[in-house]
Amino acid sequence: MSEKVAVLMRKAPYGSVYAAEGFRSMMGIGVFEMDITVIFVDDGVYTLIKGQEPGALDMKPLGEGFPMLPDFGVDKFYVHEQSLSERGLTRDDLLIDVEIVDSAGVARLLEESGAILPF
């Protein structure tokens, strides 16, 4: 069995390279058929918001790529419940189907992973 990898998305999707690099890492890990879990916490939850329009930043909407990740074997997405509620967001605001987890759930997912890649 392959090692479990958790990609921890913590940063907002624009203004730094973290979210874009996290997305590229997910694709690469998926291509190598590793067991990957993606967890969105803090401002990382903004990465999944519907209707992103970063054109003024001369960028393409990063979130639009997430629905294609299952084609690369990446299909376990978790969002921290408190991070969503602190930002006034709900599951309906998100582009993809996710499992909502509390802080203990995030901790459990991280503990189960052999490697954690923070972005």
C-alpha atoms as a PDB file:
ATOM      1  CA  MET A   1       0.000   0.000   0.000  1.00  0.00           C
ATOM      2  CA  SER A   2       1.269   3.452  -0.794  1.00  0.00           C
ATOM      3  CA  GLU A   3       2.082   6.088   1.773  1.00  0.00           C
ATOM      4  CA  LYS A   4      -0.659   8.553   2.668  1.00  0.00           C
ATOM      5  CA  VAL A   5       0.043  12.179   1.817  1.00  0.00           C
ATOM      6  CA  ALA A   6      -1.928  15.126   3.158  1.00  0.00           C
ATOM      7  CA  VAL A   7      -1.870  18.401   1.273  1.00  0.00           C
ATOM      8  CA  LEU A   8      -2.779  21.152   3.717  1.00  0.00           C
ATOM      9  CA  MET A   9      -4.100  24.224   1.931  1.00  0.00           C
ATOM     10  CA  ARG A  10      -3.817  27.165   4.371  1.00  0.00           C
ATOM     11  CA  LYS A  11      -3.259  30.245   2.198  1.00  0.00           C
ATOM     12  CA  ALA A  12      -5.598  32.360   0.106  1.00  0.00           C
ATOM     13  CA  PRO A  13      -5.595  31.476  -3.605  1.00  0.00           C
ATOM     14  CA  TYR A  14      -4.104  34.769  -4.809  1.00  0.00           C
ATOM     15  CA  GLY A  15      -1.297  37.050  -3.656  1.00  0.00           C
ATOM     16  CA  SER A  16       1.271  34.279  -3.271  1.00  0.00           C
ATOM     17  CA  VAL A  17       2.326  31.082  -5.020  1.00  0.00           C
ATOM     18  CA  TYR A  18       1.227  28.756  -2.213  1.00  0.00           C
ATOM     19  CA  ALA A  19      -2.212  27.755  -3.515  1.00  0.00           C
ATOM     20  CA  ALA A  20      -1.062  27.340  -7.125  1.00  0.00           C
ATOM     21  CA  GLU A  21       1.928  25.241  -6.055  1.00  0.00           C
ATOM     22  CA  GLY A  22      -0.328  23.176  -3.818  1.00  0.00           C
ATOM     23  CA  PHE A  23      -2.618  22.518  -6.773  1.00  0.00           C
ATOM     24  CA  ARG A  24       0.311  21.468  -8.980  1.00  0.00           C
ATOM     25  CA  SER A  25       1.565  19.188  -6.217  1.00  0.00           C
ATOM     26  CA  MET A  26      -1.849  17.524  -5.974  1.00  0.00           C
ATOM     27  CA  MET A  27      -1.784  16.762  -9.683  1.00  0.00           C
ATOM     28  CA  GLY A  28       1.727  15.326  -9.465  1.00  0.00           C
ATOM     29  CA  ILE A  29       0.957  13.184  -6.446  1.00  0.00           C
ATOM     30  CA  GLY A  30      -2.196  11.923  -8.123  1.00  0.00           C
ATOM     31  CA  VAL A  31      -0.329  10.969 -11.288  1.00  0.00           C
ATOM     32  CA  PHE A  32       1.983   8.778  -9.198  1.00  0.00           C
ATOM     33  CA  GLU A  33      -1.096   7.070  -7.726  1.00  0.00           C
ATOM     34  CA  MET A  34      -0.229   7.904  -4.141  1.00  0.00           C
ATOM     35  CA  ASP A  35      -2.964   8.029  -1.502  1.00  0.00           C
ATOM     36  CA  ILE A  36      -3.680  11.754  -1.176  1.00  0.00           C
ATOM     37  CA  THR A  37      -5.958  13.715   1.112  1.00  0.00           C
ATOM     38  CA  VAL A  38      -6.516  17.454   0.595  1.00  0.00           C
ATOM     39  CA  ILE A  39      -7.463  19.551   3.617  1.00  0.00           C
ATOM     40  CA  PHE A  40      -8.527  23.203   3.382  1.00  0.00           C
ATOM     41  CA  VAL A  41      -8.104  25.319   6.514  1.00  0.00           C
ATOM     42  CA  ASP A  42      -7.839  29.010   7.366  1.00  0.00           C
ATOM     43  CA  ASP A  43      -7.760  31.204   4.217  1.00  0.00           C
ATOM     44  CA  GLY A  44      -7.213  28.084   2.121  1.00  0.00           C
ATOM     45  CA  VAL A  45     -10.993  27.643   2.060  1.00  0.00           C
ATOM     46  CA  TYR A  46     -11.177  30.622  -0.313  1.00  0.00           C
ATOM     47  CA  THR A  47      -9.482  28.462  -2.957  1.00  0.00           C
ATOM     48  CA  LEU A  48     -12.727  26.532  -3.448  1.00  0.00           C
ATOM     49  CA  ILE A  49     -15.119  29.482  -3.699  1.00  0.00           C
ATOM     50  CA  LYS A  50     -17.415  29.578  -6.739  1.00  0.00           C
ATOM     51  CA  GLY A  51     -17.263  32.542  -9.117  1.00  0.00           C
ATOM     52  CA  GLN A  52     -13.666  33.606  -8.596  1.00  0.00           C
ATOM     53  CA  GLU A  53     -12.711  36.479 -10.883  1.00  0.00           C
ATOM     54  CA  PRO A  54      -9.012  37.260 -10.412  1.00  0.00           C
ATOM     55  CA  GLY A  55      -8.666  38.889 -13.852  1.00  0.00           C
ATOM     56  CA  ALA A  56      -7.730  42.217 -12.262  1.00  0.00           C
ATOM     57  CA  LEU A  57      -4.691  40.381 -10.836  1.00  0.00           C
ATOM     58  CA  ASP A  58      -3.875  39.061 -14.325  1.00  0.00           C
ATOM     59  CA  MET A  59      -4.511  35.516 -13.078  1.00  0.00           C
ATOM     60  CA  LYS A  60      -6.868  32.727 -14.026  1.00  0.00           C
ATOM     61  CA  PRO A  61      -9.336  31.346 -11.460  1.00  0.00           C
ATOM     62  CA  LEU A  62      -7.454  28.630  -9.596  1.00  0.00           C
ATOM     63  CA  GLY A  63     -10.603  27.017  -8.249  1.00  0.00           C
ATOM     64  CA  GLU A  64     -11.761  26.011 -11.725  1.00  0.00           C
ATOM     65  CA  GLY A  65      -9.087  23.307 -11.818  1.00  0.00           C
ATOM     66  CA  PHE A  66     -10.287  21.460  -8.725  1.00  0.00           C
ATOM     67  CA  PRO A  67     -13.267  19.682 -10.369  1.00  0.00           C
ATOM     68  CA  MET A  68     -10.816  17.889 -12.705  1.00  0.00           C
ATOM     69  CA  LEU A  69      -8.586  16.545  -9.906  1.00  0.00           C
ATOM     70  CA  PRO A  70     -10.543  13.266  -9.578  1.00  0.00           C
ATOM     71  CA  ASP A  71      -9.301  12.487 -13.108  1.00  0.00           C
ATOM     72  CA  PHE A  72      -5.824  12.441 -11.548  1.00  0.00           C
ATOM     73  CA  GLY A  73      -6.873  10.206  -8.651  1.00  0.00           C
ATOM     74  CA  VAL A  74      -7.314  13.084  -6.199  1.00  0.00           C
ATOM     75  CA  ASP A  75     -10.793  12.803  -4.748  1.00  0.00           C
ATOM     76  CA  LYS A  76     -10.609  13.134  -0.949  1.00  0.00           C
ATOM     77  CA  PHE A  77     -11.313  16.757  -0.058  1.00  0.00           C
ATOM     78  CA  TYR A  78     -11.922  18.020   3.473  1.00  0.00           C
ATOM     79  CA  VAL A  79     -12.766  21.520   4.690  1.00  0.00           C
ATOM     80  CA  HIS A  80     -12.338  22.738   8.247  1.00  0.00           C
ATOM     81  CA  GLU A  81     -15.780  23.686   9.556  1.00  0.00           C
ATOM     82  CA  GLN A  82     -14.544  26.543  11.765  1.00  0.00           C
ATOM     83  CA  SER A  83     -12.504  28.081   8.924  1.00  0.00           C
ATOM     84  CA  LEU A  84     -15.638  28.154   6.748  1.00  0.00           C
ATOM     85  CA  SER A  85     -17.885  29.645   9.408  1.00  0.00           C
ATOM     86  CA  GLU A  86     -15.309  32.277  10.465  1.00  0.00           C
ATOM     87  CA  ARG A  87     -15.355  33.530   6.863  1.00  0.00           C
ATOM     88  CA  GLY A  88     -19.139  33.502   6.549  1.00  0.00           C
ATOM     89  CA  LEU A  89     -19.080  30.608   4.068  1.00  0.00           C
ATOM     90  CA  THR A  90     -21.056  27.390   3.724  1.00  0.00           C
ATOM     91  CA  ARG A  91     -20.757  24.209   1.691  1.00  0.00           C
ATOM     92  CA  ASP A  92     -23.013  25.836  -0.947  1.00  0.00           C
ATOM     93  CA  ASP A  93     -20.301  28.429  -1.655  1.00  0.00           C
ATOM     94  CA  LEU A  94     -17.810  25.752  -2.736  1.00  0.00           C
ATOM     95  CA  LEU A  95     -16.992  24.478  -6.234  1.00  0.00           C
ATOM     96  CA  ILE A  96     -16.614  20.815  -5.352  1.00  0.00           C
ATOM     97  CA  ASP A  97     -18.139  18.283  -3.023  1.00  0.00           C
ATOM     98  CA  VAL A  98     -16.171  18.146   0.228  1.00  0.00           C
ATOM     99  CA  GLU A  99     -16.438  16.554   3.622  1.00  0.00           C
ATOM    100  CA  ILE A 100     -16.736  19.127   6.389  1.00  0.00           C
ATOM    101  CA  VAL A 101     -14.627  18.248   9.455  1.00  0.00           C
ATOM    102  CA  ASP A 102     -14.102  19.832  12.841  1.00  0.00           C
ATOM    103  CA  SER A 103     -10.694  20.530  14.395  1.00  0.00           C
ATOM    104  CA  ALA A 104     -10.453  16.991  15.784  1.00  0.00           C
ATOM    105  CA  GLY A 105     -11.187  15.643  12.300  1.00  0.00           C
ATOM    106  CA  VAL A 106      -8.395  17.732  10.791  1.00  0.00           C
ATOM    107  CA  ALA A 107      -6.017  16.497  13.494  1.00  0.00           C
ATOM    108  CA  ARG A 108      -7.034  12.881  12.802  1.00  0.00           C
ATOM    109  CA  LEU A 109      -6.466  13.259   9.052  1.00  0.00           C
ATOM    110  CA  LEU A 110      -3.022  14.734   9.640  1.00  0.00           C
ATOM    111  CA  GLU A 111      -2.089  11.993  12.121  1.00  0.00           C
ATOM    112  CA  GLU A 112      -3.077   9.320   9.586  1.00  0.00           C
ATOM    113  CA  SER A 113      -0.761  10.788   6.969  1.00  0.00           C
ATOM    114  CA  GLY A 114       2.819   9.699   6.509  1.00  0.00           C
ATOM    115  CA  ALA A 115       3.707  13.054   4.948  1.00  0.00           C
ATOM    116  CA  ILE A 116       2.143  16.505   5.195  1.00  0.00           C
ATOM    117  CA  LEU A 117       2.724  19.118   2.518  1.00  0.00           C
ATOM    118  CA  PRO A 118       1.660  22.556   3.803  1.00  0.00           C
ATOM    119  CA  PHE A 119       0.735  25.272   1.320  1.00  0.00           C
END
